N, C-alpha and C. Protein backbone atom coordinates (compact mmCIF):
# COMPACT_ATOMS: atom_id res chain seq x y z
N MET A 1 89.36 102.47 87.01
CA MET A 1 90.97 102.63 87.60
C MET A 1 91.32 103.64 86.44
N ALA A 2 91.74 105.14 87.05
CA ALA A 2 92.71 106.21 86.37
C ALA A 2 94.13 105.74 86.13
N THR A 3 94.91 105.94 85.24
CA THR A 3 96.32 105.47 84.78
C THR A 3 96.82 106.64 84.30
N LYS A 4 98.47 106.39 84.89
CA LYS A 4 99.22 107.63 84.33
C LYS A 4 100.50 107.03 83.12
N THR A 5 100.94 108.12 82.45
CA THR A 5 101.85 107.70 81.48
C THR A 5 103.47 108.12 82.31
N ILE A 6 104.18 107.01 82.19
CA ILE A 6 105.48 107.37 82.97
C ILE A 6 106.63 107.67 81.88
N SER A 7 107.63 107.92 81.82
CA SER A 7 108.84 107.92 80.67
C SER A 7 109.83 107.07 81.69
N ILE A 8 110.43 105.88 81.29
CA ILE A 8 111.71 105.28 81.86
C ILE A 8 112.73 104.93 81.27
N THR A 9 113.38 104.89 80.92
CA THR A 9 114.72 104.47 80.24
C THR A 9 114.97 103.15 79.80
N GLU A 10 115.15 102.88 78.62
CA GLU A 10 115.60 101.78 77.80
C GLU A 10 116.25 100.48 78.96
N GLU A 11 116.95 100.85 79.81
CA GLU A 11 117.41 99.99 80.81
C GLU A 11 116.36 99.63 82.01
N ALA A 12 115.53 100.55 82.33
CA ALA A 12 114.97 100.52 83.50
C ALA A 12 113.55 99.28 82.78
N TYR A 13 113.29 99.51 81.24
CA TYR A 13 112.13 99.19 80.46
C TYR A 13 112.46 97.50 80.96
N THR A 14 113.68 96.98 80.41
CA THR A 14 114.06 95.92 80.43
C THR A 14 114.34 95.13 81.95
N ILE A 15 115.09 95.88 82.48
CA ILE A 15 115.26 95.62 84.05
C ILE A 15 113.26 94.89 84.72
N LEU A 16 112.38 96.36 84.23
CA LEU A 16 111.25 95.65 84.74
C LEU A 16 110.65 94.71 84.17
N LYS A 17 110.54 94.43 82.52
CA LYS A 17 110.16 93.52 81.85
C LYS A 17 110.57 92.07 82.34
N SER A 18 112.04 92.05 82.55
CA SER A 18 112.47 90.84 83.03
C SER A 18 112.22 90.37 84.57
N LYS A 19 111.47 91.11 85.32
CA LYS A 19 110.99 90.97 86.96
C LYS A 19 109.67 90.36 86.62
N LYS A 20 108.67 91.04 85.81
CA LYS A 20 107.52 90.35 85.78
C LYS A 20 107.33 89.06 84.86
N THR A 21 106.22 88.39 85.39
CA THR A 21 106.00 87.14 84.97
C THR A 21 104.84 87.81 83.59
N VAL A 22 104.75 86.26 83.00
CA VAL A 22 104.59 86.40 81.36
C VAL A 22 102.33 86.84 81.59
N THR A 23 101.98 86.66 82.93
CA THR A 23 100.78 87.19 83.12
C THR A 23 100.20 88.09 84.18
N GLU A 24 101.36 89.13 84.50
CA GLU A 24 101.42 90.16 85.18
C GLU A 24 101.58 91.54 83.95
N SER A 25 100.79 92.23 84.69
CA SER A 25 100.95 93.71 83.93
C SER A 25 102.44 94.65 84.66
N PHE A 26 102.73 95.30 83.77
CA PHE A 26 103.70 96.19 84.09
C PHE A 26 103.09 96.88 85.83
N SER A 27 102.06 97.20 85.57
CA SER A 27 101.77 97.85 86.85
C SER A 27 101.94 96.86 88.22
N GLU A 28 101.19 95.79 88.10
CA GLU A 28 101.20 94.19 89.06
C GLU A 28 102.74 94.33 89.45
N ALA A 29 103.48 94.40 88.14
CA ALA A 29 104.51 93.73 88.80
C ALA A 29 106.01 95.23 89.61
N ILE A 30 104.96 96.56 89.25
CA ILE A 30 105.69 97.75 90.06
C ILE A 30 105.10 97.21 91.57
N ILE A 31 103.79 97.06 91.56
CA ILE A 31 103.20 96.95 92.87
C ILE A 31 104.18 95.62 94.25
N LYS A 32 104.17 94.43 93.02
CA LYS A 32 105.08 93.89 93.40
C LYS A 32 106.58 94.04 94.16
N LEU A 33 107.46 94.74 92.91
CA LEU A 33 108.42 94.80 93.45
C LEU A 33 108.63 95.55 94.60
N SER A 34 107.65 96.80 94.46
CA SER A 34 107.52 97.97 95.72
C SER A 34 107.58 97.40 97.19
N GLY A 35 107.72 96.12 97.32
CA GLY A 35 107.42 95.19 98.35
C GLY A 35 106.15 95.27 99.17
N LYS A 36 105.04 95.83 98.54
CA LYS A 36 103.56 96.11 99.26
C LYS A 36 103.21 94.55 99.22
N LYS A 37 102.60 94.21 100.18
CA LYS A 37 101.84 92.99 100.57
C LYS A 37 100.83 92.95 99.92
N ASN A 38 99.70 92.55 99.62
CA ASN A 38 98.80 91.64 99.89
C ASN A 38 98.09 91.18 101.02
N LEU A 39 96.27 91.46 101.39
CA LEU A 39 96.04 91.16 102.69
C LEU A 39 96.06 89.59 102.54
N SER A 40 96.02 88.77 101.30
CA SER A 40 95.76 87.43 101.17
C SER A 40 97.53 86.62 101.63
N SER A 41 98.34 87.45 101.18
CA SER A 41 99.70 87.11 101.51
C SER A 41 99.49 86.55 103.04
N PHE A 42 99.04 86.83 104.16
CA PHE A 42 99.22 86.85 105.26
C PHE A 42 98.35 85.75 105.63
N TYR A 43 97.67 85.20 104.69
CA TYR A 43 96.75 84.12 105.38
C TYR A 43 97.83 82.57 105.77
N GLY A 44 97.10 82.19 106.85
CA GLY A 44 98.08 81.13 107.51
C GLY A 44 99.20 81.53 108.53
N ALA A 45 99.38 82.73 108.69
CA ALA A 45 100.46 83.52 109.49
C ALA A 45 99.98 83.05 111.05
N LEU A 46 98.64 83.47 111.30
CA LEU A 46 98.21 82.95 112.60
C LEU A 46 97.49 81.53 112.60
N SER A 47 98.34 80.83 114.11
CA SER A 47 97.25 79.40 114.05
C SER A 47 96.04 79.82 114.34
N GLU A 48 95.05 78.93 114.57
CA GLU A 48 93.63 78.97 114.46
C GLU A 48 93.38 79.32 115.93
N GLU A 49 94.10 78.83 116.65
CA GLU A 49 93.70 79.35 118.44
C GLU A 49 94.21 80.82 118.42
N SER A 50 95.56 81.33 117.70
CA SER A 50 96.01 83.01 118.25
C SER A 50 94.94 83.88 117.36
N ALA A 51 94.35 83.43 116.13
CA ALA A 51 93.52 84.02 115.36
C ALA A 51 92.07 84.20 116.17
N ASN A 52 91.86 83.21 116.65
CA ASN A 52 90.34 83.34 117.63
C ASN A 52 90.53 84.13 118.87
N ALA A 53 91.79 83.91 119.39
CA ALA A 53 92.11 84.76 120.70
C ALA A 53 92.36 85.92 119.88
N LEU A 54 93.06 86.29 119.07
CA LEU A 54 92.45 87.79 118.57
C LEU A 54 91.76 88.52 118.27
N GLU A 55 90.59 87.36 117.75
CA GLU A 55 89.25 88.07 117.28
C GLU A 55 88.28 88.13 118.62
N GLU A 56 88.53 87.77 119.65
CA GLU A 56 87.70 88.08 120.55
C GLU A 56 88.25 89.24 121.26
N SER A 57 89.77 89.78 121.37
CA SER A 57 90.13 90.71 122.03
C SER A 57 89.89 92.21 120.73
N ILE A 58 89.87 91.79 120.15
CA ILE A 58 89.16 93.03 118.91
C ILE A 58 87.41 92.87 119.30
N ARG A 59 87.10 91.95 119.55
CA ARG A 59 85.09 92.39 119.68
C ARG A 59 85.25 92.92 121.19
N ASP A 60 85.89 92.46 122.73
CA ASP A 60 86.24 93.13 123.75
C ASP A 60 86.29 94.40 123.50
N ALA A 61 87.30 94.96 122.36
CA ALA A 61 87.77 96.46 122.71
C ALA A 61 86.60 97.22 122.27
N ARG A 62 86.21 96.71 121.33
CA ARG A 62 85.14 97.38 120.29
C ARG A 62 83.70 97.80 121.10
N LYS A 63 83.21 96.35 121.70
CA LYS A 63 82.43 96.69 122.97
C LYS A 63 82.14 97.70 124.14
N SER A 64 83.95 97.62 124.59
CA SER A 64 84.36 98.34 125.51
C SER A 64 83.97 99.94 124.90
N HIS A 65 84.82 100.12 123.77
CA HIS A 65 84.59 101.56 122.77
C HIS A 65 83.26 102.17 122.91
N LEU A 66 82.14 101.23 122.33
CA LEU A 66 80.88 101.56 122.14
C LEU A 66 80.35 102.09 123.29
N SER A 67 80.45 101.15 124.24
CA SER A 67 80.27 101.26 125.85
C SER A 67 80.28 102.88 126.35
N SER A 68 81.94 103.09 125.88
CA SER A 68 82.41 104.54 126.92
C SER A 68 81.73 105.77 125.89
N HIS A 69 81.41 105.75 124.56
CA HIS A 69 80.76 106.29 123.76
C HIS A 69 79.69 106.50 123.99
N LYS A 70 78.74 105.61 124.47
CA LYS A 70 77.32 105.88 124.71
C LYS A 70 77.43 106.71 126.25
N LYS A 71 78.39 106.58 126.74
CA LYS A 71 78.51 106.94 128.73
C LYS A 71 78.55 108.86 127.79
N ARG A 72 79.71 108.93 127.40
CA ARG A 72 80.21 110.36 126.70
C ARG A 72 79.07 110.99 126.24
N LEU A 73 77.80 110.31 125.30
CA LEU A 73 76.87 110.49 124.57
C LEU A 73 75.50 111.19 125.83
N LEU A 74 75.80 110.19 126.79
CA LEU A 74 74.52 110.67 127.70
C LEU A 74 75.01 111.41 128.86
N GLN A 75 76.26 111.70 128.98
CA GLN A 75 76.52 112.83 129.67
C GLN A 75 76.39 114.19 129.03
N GLN A 76 76.44 114.15 127.75
CA GLN A 76 76.23 115.71 126.94
C GLN A 76 74.77 116.64 127.81
């Protein structure tokens, strides 16, 4: 992973240091503070029934798209 060196004020450093946990890197703390969510944070957001319905809907949409794509290729 590439890294970048940045300059921040002592005040910004102190604030950032106070916001991170002991086991967290400064990069992880910055990402956390940015509000970016990890995919795992959405675990459990849908009921199993809703998740299954969504999965089926996505599967149907993919089949439809593939079918349309094949028809377009055959028309060429």
